[in-house]
Amino acid sequence: QVQLVESGGGLVQAGGSLRLSCAASGLTFSRYAMGWFRQAPGKEREFVAAISRSGDNMFSAETVKGRFTISRDNAKNTVDLQMSSLKPEDTAVYYCAADWTYGDSRANAYLYWGQGTQVTVSS
Protein backbone atom coordinates (compact mmCIF):
# COMPACT_ATOMS: atom_id res chain seq x y z
CA GLN A 1 0.00 0.00 0.00
CA VAL A 2 1.00 3.61 -0.40
CA GLN A 3 3.06 5.01 2.44
CA LEU A 4 4.33 8.53 2.93
CA VAL A 5 6.58 8.94 5.94
CA GLU A 6 7.70 12.36 7.08
CA SER A 7 10.79 13.02 9.15
CA GLY A 8 12.97 15.89 10.27
CA GLY A 9 10.62 17.80 12.52
CA GLY A 10 11.64 19.11 15.91
CA LEU A 11 12.09 22.12 18.13
CA VAL A 12 13.98 25.10 16.76
CA GLN A 13 14.43 28.72 17.79
CA ALA A 14 12.95 31.53 15.77
CA GLY A 15 15.23 32.40 12.88
CA GLY A 16 16.53 28.87 12.64
CA SER A 17 16.22 26.23 9.94
CA LEU A 18 14.89 22.73 9.54
CA ARG A 19 14.75 20.31 6.66
CA LEU A 20 11.78 17.98 6.42
CA SER A 21 11.84 14.87 4.30
CA CYS A 22 9.08 12.59 3.07
CA ALA A 23 9.84 9.06 1.89
CA ALA A 24 7.29 7.48 -0.44
CA SER A 25 6.67 3.82 -1.14
CA GLY A 26 3.96 1.74 -2.76
CA LEU A 27 3.44 4.12 -5.68
CA THR A 28 5.25 5.16 -8.82
CA PHE A 29 6.60 8.30 -7.26
CA SER A 30 7.54 10.12 -10.46
CA ARG A 31 3.92 10.00 -11.62
CA TYR A 32 2.69 12.11 -8.73
CA ALA A 33 2.90 15.75 -7.93
CA MET A 34 3.79 16.26 -4.28
CA GLY A 35 2.79 18.82 -1.73
CA TRP A 36 3.46 19.91 1.81
CA PHE A 37 0.71 21.09 4.10
CA ARG A 38 0.62 22.07 7.75
CA GLN A 39 -1.91 22.20 10.53
CA ALA A 40 -1.61 24.21 13.70
CA PRO A 41 -3.74 23.44 16.77
CA GLY A 42 -7.29 24.68 16.32
CA LYS A 43 -6.71 25.63 12.69
CA GLU A 44 -7.50 24.10 9.34
CA ARG A 45 -4.88 22.32 7.32
CA GLU A 46 -3.19 24.80 5.04
CA PHE A 47 -1.13 24.53 1.89
CA VAL A 48 2.60 25.18 2.10
CA ALA A 49 4.21 24.19 -1.19
CA ALA A 50 3.86 21.87 -4.17
CA ILE A 51 6.18 20.45 -6.80
CA SER A 52 5.48 18.91 -10.17
CA ARG A 53 6.25 15.32 -11.14
CA SER A 54 9.55 16.18 -12.72
CA GLY A 55 10.50 18.75 -10.13
CA ASP A 56 10.76 21.48 -12.76
CA ASN A 57 7.84 23.47 -11.42
CA MET A 58 6.90 24.46 -7.91
CA PHE A 59 4.89 27.04 -6.06
CA SER A 60 4.35 27.95 -2.44
CA ALA A 61 2.03 29.86 -0.17
CA GLU A 62 2.66 33.57 0.26
CA THR A 63 3.25 33.03 3.98
CA VAL A 64 6.36 30.94 3.31
CA LYS A 65 7.58 32.32 0.00
CA GLY A 66 11.26 33.18 0.13
CA ARG A 67 11.76 31.12 3.30
CA PHE A 68 10.71 27.57 2.37
CA THR A 69 11.88 25.56 -0.63
CA ILE A 70 10.40 22.31 -1.86
CA SER A 71 12.47 19.78 -3.80
CA ARG A 72 12.26 16.16 -4.83
CA ASP A 73 14.51 13.28 -5.80
CA ASN A 74 12.67 10.82 -8.02
CA ALA A 75 15.54 8.35 -7.82
CA LYS A 76 15.17 8.18 -4.05
CA ASN A 77 11.38 8.64 -3.91
CA THR A 78 11.69 11.57 -1.56
CA VAL A 79 10.36 15.09 -1.35
CA ASP A 80 11.95 17.63 0.98
CA LEU A 81 10.96 20.93 2.48
CA GLN A 82 13.84 23.21 3.42
CA MET A 83 12.62 25.75 5.95
CA SER A 84 14.63 28.78 6.98
CA SER A 85 14.00 31.99 8.89
CA LEU A 86 11.44 30.09 10.90
CA LYS A 87 8.85 32.00 12.90
CA PRO A 88 6.72 30.93 15.87
CA GLU A 89 3.68 31.03 13.59
CA ASP A 90 5.26 28.23 11.52
CA THR A 91 4.62 25.88 14.44
CA ALA A 92 2.42 23.06 13.18
CA VAL A 93 2.27 19.44 12.18
CA TYR A 94 3.65 19.20 8.66
CA TYR A 95 2.29 16.68 6.20
CA CYS A 96 3.39 15.55 2.78
CA ALA A 97 0.80 14.48 0.24
CA ALA A 98 0.61 13.06 -3.27
CA ASP A 99 -1.66 14.16 -6.09
CA TRP A 100 -2.18 13.06 -9.69
CA THR A 101 -1.93 16.59 -10.98
CA TYR A 102 0.26 19.56 -10.23
CA GLY A 103 -0.98 22.96 -9.29
CA ASP A 104 -3.61 22.37 -6.68
CA SER A 105 -3.37 23.93 -3.24
CA ARG A 106 -6.56 22.37 -1.92
CA ALA A 107 -5.98 19.63 0.63
CA ASN A 108 -8.98 17.63 -0.55
CA ALA A 109 -7.42 17.28 -4.01
CA TYR A 110 -4.57 15.15 -2.69
CA LEU A 111 -4.92 11.39 -2.72
CA TYR A 112 -2.37 10.14 -0.23
CA TRP A 113 -1.11 11.58 3.03
CA GLY A 114 1.59 10.94 5.54
CA GLN A 115 1.12 10.91 9.31
CA GLY A 116 2.86 14.22 9.82
CA THR A 117 5.87 15.52 11.70
CA GLN A 118 5.75 18.17 14.41
CA VAL A 119 7.63 21.42 13.95
CA THR A 120 7.81 23.76 16.93
CA VAL A 121 9.41 27.18 16.67
CA SER A 122 10.17 28.90 19.94
CA SER A 123 10.36 32.67 20.26
C-alpha atoms as a PDB file:
ATOM      1  CA  GLN A   1       0.000   0.000   0.000  1.00  0.00           C
ATOM      2  CA  VAL A   2       0.995   3.609  -0.399  1.00  0.00           C
ATOM      3  CA  GLN A   3       3.055   5.015   2.437  1.00  0.00           C
ATOM      4  CA  LEU A   4       4.325   8.529   2.927  1.00  0.00           C
ATOM      5  CA  VAL A   5       6.585   8.936   5.937  1.00  0.00           C
ATOM      6  CA  GLU A   6       7.705  12.361   7.083  1.00  0.00           C
ATOM      7  CA  SER A   7      10.794  13.015   9.152  1.00  0.00           C
ATOM      8  CA  GLY A   8      12.972  15.894  10.266  1.00  0.00           C
ATOM      9  CA  GLY A   9      10.623  17.795  12.522  1.00  0.00           C
ATOM     10  CA  GLY A  10      11.642  19.106  15.906  1.00  0.00           C
ATOM     11  CA  LEU A  11      12.089  22.125  18.132  1.00  0.00           C
ATOM     12  CA  VAL A  12      13.975  25.103  16.756  1.00  0.00           C
ATOM     13  CA  GLN A  13      14.433  28.718  17.789  1.00  0.00           C
ATOM     14  CA  ALA A  14      12.948  31.525  15.770  1.00  0.00           C
ATOM     15  CA  GLY A  15      15.229  32.398  12.876  1.00  0.00           C
ATOM     16  CA  GLY A  16      16.528  28.871  12.641  1.00  0.00           C
ATOM     17  CA  SER A  17      16.223  26.230   9.943  1.00  0.00           C
ATOM     18  CA  LEU A  18      14.892  22.726   9.538  1.00  0.00           C
ATOM     19  CA  ARG A  19      14.747  20.305   6.656  1.00  0.00           C
ATOM     20  CA  LEU A  20      11.783  17.981   6.424  1.00  0.00           C
ATOM     21  CA  SER A  21      11.844  14.870   4.302  1.00  0.00           C
ATOM     22  CA  CYS A  22       9.082  12.594   3.068  1.00  0.00           C
ATOM     23  CA  ALA A  23       9.838   9.064   1.887  1.00  0.00           C
ATOM     24  CA  ALA A  24       7.295   7.482  -0.436  1.00  0.00           C
ATOM     25  CA  SER A  25       6.666   3.824  -1.144  1.00  0.00           C
ATOM     26  CA  GLY A  26       3.955   1.741  -2.755  1.00  0.00           C
ATOM     27  CA  LEU A  27       3.440   4.117  -5.676  1.00  0.00           C
ATOM     28  CA  THR A  28       5.247   5.165  -8.821  1.00  0.00           C
ATOM     29  CA  PHE A  29       6.602   8.297  -7.262  1.00  0.00           C
ATOM     30  CA  SER A  30       7.544  10.120 -10.456  1.00  0.00           C
ATOM     31  CA  ARG A  31       3.920  10.001 -11.623  1.00  0.00           C
ATOM     32  CA  TYR A  32       2.691  12.109  -8.727  1.00  0.00           C
ATOM     33  CA  ALA A  33       2.901  15.750  -7.933  1.00  0.00           C
ATOM     34  CA  MET A  34       3.785  16.259  -4.284  1.00  0.00           C
ATOM     35  CA  GLY A  35       2.793  18.822  -1.735  1.00  0.00           C
ATOM     36  CA  TRP A  36       3.462  19.912   1.812  1.00  0.00           C
ATOM     37  CA  PHE A  37       0.713  21.089   4.105  1.00  0.00           C
ATOM     38  CA  ARG A  38       0.619  22.073   7.751  1.00  0.00           C
ATOM     39  CA  GLN A  39      -1.914  22.195  10.526  1.00  0.00           C
ATOM     40  CA  ALA A  40      -1.614  24.212  13.699  1.00  0.00           C
ATOM     41  CA  PRO A  41      -3.739  23.443  16.768  1.00  0.00           C
ATOM     42  CA  GLY A  42      -7.287  24.681  16.317  1.00  0.00           C
ATOM     43  CA  LYS A  43      -6.706  25.631  12.690  1.00  0.00           C
ATOM     44  CA  GLU A  44      -7.498  24.101   9.341  1.00  0.00           C
ATOM     45  CA  ARG A  45      -4.885  22.319   7.322  1.00  0.00           C
ATOM     46  CA  GLU A  46      -3.188  24.799   5.036  1.00  0.00           C
ATOM     47  CA  PHE A  47      -1.134  24.530   1.888  1.00  0.00           C
ATOM     48  CA  VAL A  48       2.598  25.177   2.104  1.00  0.00           C
ATOM     49  CA  ALA A  49       4.211  24.193  -1.187  1.00  0.00           C
ATOM     50  CA  ALA A  50       3.863  21.869  -4.165  1.00  0.00           C
ATOM     51  CA  ILE A  51       6.179  20.453  -6.798  1.00  0.00           C
ATOM     52  CA  SER A  52       5.476  18.912 -10.173  1.00  0.00           C
ATOM     53  CA  ARG A  53       6.245  15.325 -11.138  1.00  0.00           C
ATOM     54  CA  SER A  54       9.552  16.179 -12.725  1.00  0.00           C
ATOM     55  CA  GLY A  55      10.500  18.750 -10.131  1.00  0.00           C
ATOM     56  CA  ASP A  56      10.756  21.476 -12.763  1.00  0.00           C
ATOM     57  CA  ASN A  57       7.841  23.469 -11.423  1.00  0.00           C
ATOM     58  CA  MET A  58       6.903  24.465  -7.915  1.00  0.00           C
ATOM     59  CA  PHE A  59       4.888  27.037  -6.059  1.00  0.00           C
ATOM     60  CA  SER A  60       4.354  27.953  -2.445  1.00  0.00           C
ATOM     61  CA  ALA A  61       2.034  29.860  -0.168  1.00  0.00           C
ATOM     62  CA  GLU A  62       2.658  33.570   0.262  1.00  0.00           C
ATOM     63  CA  THR A  63       3.253  33.033   3.978  1.00  0.00           C
ATOM     64  CA  VAL A  64       6.359  30.940   3.310  1.00  0.00           C
ATOM     65  CA  LYS A  65       7.576  32.323  -0.003  1.00  0.00           C
ATOM     66  CA  GLY A  66      11.261  33.179   0.129  1.00  0.00           C
ATOM     67  CA  ARG A  67      11.755  31.124   3.297  1.00  0.00           C
ATOM     68  CA  PHE A  68      10.709  27.575   2.370  1.00  0.00           C
ATOM     69  CA  THR A  69      11.881  25.555  -0.631  1.00  0.00           C
ATOM     70  CA  ILE A  70      10.397  22.306  -1.864  1.00  0.00           C
ATOM     71  CA  SER A  71      12.470  19.785  -3.805  1.00  0.00           C
ATOM     72  CA  ARG A  72      12.264  16.156  -4.826  1.00  0.00           C
ATOM     73  CA  ASP A  73      14.508  13.276  -5.796  1.00  0.00           C
ATOM     74  CA  ASN A  74      12.672  10.817  -8.015  1.00  0.00           C
ATOM     75  CA  ALA A  75      15.542   8.345  -7.821  1.00  0.00           C
ATOM     76  CA  LYS A  76      15.167   8.176  -4.053  1.00  0.00           C
ATOM     77  CA  ASN A  77      11.384   8.640  -3.908  1.00  0.00           C
ATOM     78  CA  THR A  78      11.693  11.574  -1.561  1.00  0.00           C
ATOM     79  CA  VAL A  79      10.362  15.094  -1.354  1.00  0.00           C
ATOM     80  CA  ASP A  80      11.949  17.627   0.978  1.00  0.00           C
ATOM     81  CA  LEU A  81      10.963  20.935   2.475  1.00  0.00           C
ATOM     82  CA  GLN A  82      13.842  23.212   3.424  1.00  0.00           C
ATOM     83  CA  MET A  83      12.619  25.754   5.948  1.00  0.00           C
ATOM     84  CA  SER A  84      14.635  28.775   6.977  1.00  0.00           C
ATOM     85  CA  SER A  85      13.999  31.988   8.894  1.00  0.00           C
ATOM     86  CA  LEU A  86      11.441  30.093  10.904  1.00  0.00           C
ATOM     87  CA  LYS A  87       8.851  31.997  12.899  1.00  0.00           C
ATOM     88  CA  PRO A  88       6.724  30.925  15.866  1.00  0.00           C
ATOM     89  CA  GLU A  89       3.683  31.029  13.585  1.00  0.00           C
ATOM     90  CA  ASP A  90       5.260  28.231  11.516  1.00  0.00           C
ATOM     91  CA  THR A  91       4.624  25.882  14.441  1.00  0.00           C
ATOM     92  CA  ALA A  92       2.416  23.058  13.184  1.00  0.00           C
ATOM     93  CA  VAL A  93       2.273  19.437  12.181  1.00  0.00           C
ATOM     94  CA  TYR A  94       3.654  19.203   8.660  1.00  0.00           C
ATOM     95  CA  TYR A  95       2.286  16.675   6.197  1.00  0.00           C
ATOM     96  CA  CYS A  96       3.387  15.546   2.783  1.00  0.00           C
ATOM     97  CA  ALA A  97       0.804  14.475   0.244  1.00  0.00           C
ATOM     98  CA  ALA A  98       0.609  13.057  -3.268  1.00  0.00           C
ATOM     99  CA  ASP A  99      -1.659  14.158  -6.088  1.00  0.00           C
ATOM    100  CA  TRP A 100      -2.184  13.061  -9.689  1.00  0.00           C
ATOM    101  CA  THR A 101      -1.929  16.585 -10.978  1.00  0.00           C
ATOM    102  CA  TYR A 102       0.256  19.558 -10.233  1.00  0.00           C
ATOM    103  CA  GLY A 103      -0.976  22.963  -9.288  1.00  0.00           C
ATOM    104  CA  ASP A 104      -3.615  22.370  -6.676  1.00  0.00           C
ATOM    105  CA  SER A 105      -3.366  23.932  -3.244  1.00  0.00           C
ATOM    106  CA  ARG A 106      -6.561  22.368  -1.920  1.00  0.00           C
ATOM    107  CA  ALA A 107      -5.984  19.633   0.625  1.00  0.00           C
ATOM    108  CA  ASN A 108      -8.981  17.625  -0.550  1.00  0.00           C
ATOM    109  CA  ALA A 109      -7.423  17.281  -4.006  1.00  0.00           C
ATOM    110  CA  TYR A 110      -4.571  15.146  -2.692  1.00  0.00           C
ATOM    111  CA  LEU A 111      -4.923  11.390  -2.725  1.00  0.00           C
ATOM    112  CA  TYR A 112      -2.373  10.136  -0.234  1.00  0.00           C
ATOM    113  CA  TRP A 113      -1.112  11.579   3.026  1.00  0.00           C
ATOM    114  CA  GLY A 114       1.586  10.936   5.539  1.00  0.00           C
ATOM    115  CA  GLN A 115       1.123  10.910   9.307  1.00  0.00           C
ATOM    116  CA  GLY A 116       2.865  14.218   9.824  1.00  0.00           C
ATOM    117  CA  THR A 117       5.871  15.516  11.702  1.00  0.00           C
ATOM    118  CA  GLN A 118       5.754  18.166  14.411  1.00  0.00           C
ATOM    119  CA  VAL A 119       7.631  21.421  13.950  1.00  0.00           C
ATOM    120  CA  THR A 120       7.805  23.755  16.931  1.00  0.00           C
ATOM    121  CA  VAL A 121       9.406  27.176  16.671  1.00  0.00           C
ATOM    122  CA  SER A 122      10.167  28.905  19.944  1.00  0.00           C
ATOM    123  CA  SER A 123      10.357  32.673  20.261  1.00  0.00           C
END
